Amino acid sequence: MKQRNDLWLIARNAAFRVEFITTGREILLYANVIYSAMMWGWNEKLKEIDSLKEKDLLTLK
């Protein structure tokens, strides 16, 4: 849960740095899009790691 909260904070802070956003609703929508993209990327990375583990190409300590 803490990792998701940390990702949300990163997404929110990134949305605040965008200059073309003018309302609070736009900031929230943009932060949600950034968060979703980060979660999608993390999911793809986990799939890649699982695939490598199945092929015995990756061992985690």
Protein backbone atom coordinates (compact mmCIF):
# COMPACT_ATOMS: atom_id res chain seq x y z
CA MET A 1 0.00 0.00 0.00
CA LYS A 2 2.83 2.40 0.77
CA GLN A 3 4.29 1.89 -2.70
CA ARG A 4 1.00 2.86 -4.34
CA ASN A 5 0.77 5.92 -2.12
CA ASP A 6 4.34 6.87 -3.05
CA LEU A 7 3.52 6.46 -6.75
CA TRP A 8 0.43 8.64 -6.32
CA LEU A 9 2.54 11.36 -4.66
CA ILE A 10 5.04 11.23 -7.53
CA ALA A 11 2.22 11.47 -10.08
CA ARG A 12 0.58 14.36 -8.24
CA ASN A 13 3.84 16.27 -7.96
CA ALA A 14 4.51 15.73 -11.66
CA ALA A 15 1.05 17.08 -12.50
CA PHE A 16 1.72 20.22 -10.45
CA ARG A 17 4.83 20.95 -12.53
CA VAL A 18 2.86 21.12 -15.80
CA GLU A 19 2.29 24.71 -16.84
CA PHE A 20 -0.69 24.30 -19.18
CA ILE A 21 -3.05 22.94 -16.48
CA THR A 22 -5.34 25.64 -15.13
CA THR A 23 -7.85 24.02 -12.74
CA GLY A 24 -7.75 21.64 -9.82
CA ARG A 25 -9.85 19.15 -11.76
CA GLU A 26 -7.31 19.12 -14.59
CA ILE A 27 -4.50 18.51 -12.09
CA LEU A 28 -6.42 15.57 -10.64
CA LEU A 29 -7.15 14.11 -14.09
CA TYR A 30 -3.55 14.54 -15.22
CA ALA A 31 -2.22 13.00 -12.00
CA ASN A 32 -4.54 10.01 -12.51
CA VAL A 33 -3.23 9.51 -16.04
CA ILE A 34 0.39 9.66 -14.87
CA TYR A 35 -0.38 7.23 -12.02
CA SER A 36 -2.11 4.81 -14.39
CA ALA A 37 0.83 4.91 -16.78
CA MET A 38 3.27 4.19 -13.96
CA MET A 39 1.13 1.28 -12.73
CA TRP A 40 0.89 -0.10 -16.29
CA GLY A 41 4.66 0.16 -16.69
CA TRP A 42 5.23 -1.57 -13.37
CA ASN A 43 2.84 -4.37 -14.39
CA GLU A 44 4.71 -4.86 -17.68
CA LYS A 45 8.03 -4.99 -15.80
CA LEU A 46 6.67 -7.65 -13.42
CA LYS A 47 5.50 -9.74 -16.38
CA GLU A 48 8.97 -9.48 -17.90
CA ILE A 49 10.61 -10.56 -14.65
CA ASP A 50 8.23 -13.53 -14.31
CA SER A 51 8.97 -14.57 -17.89
CA LEU A 52 12.71 -14.49 -17.23
CA LYS A 53 12.28 -16.49 -14.02
CA GLU A 54 10.34 -19.17 -15.89
CA LYS A 55 13.16 -19.47 -18.42
CA ASP A 56 15.74 -19.64 -15.60
CA LEU A 57 17.46 -16.55 -16.98
CA LEU A 58 16.93 -14.56 -13.80
CA THR A 59 17.62 -15.47 -10.22
CA LEU A 60 16.69 -13.13 -7.41
CA LYS A 61 18.61 -13.14 -4.18
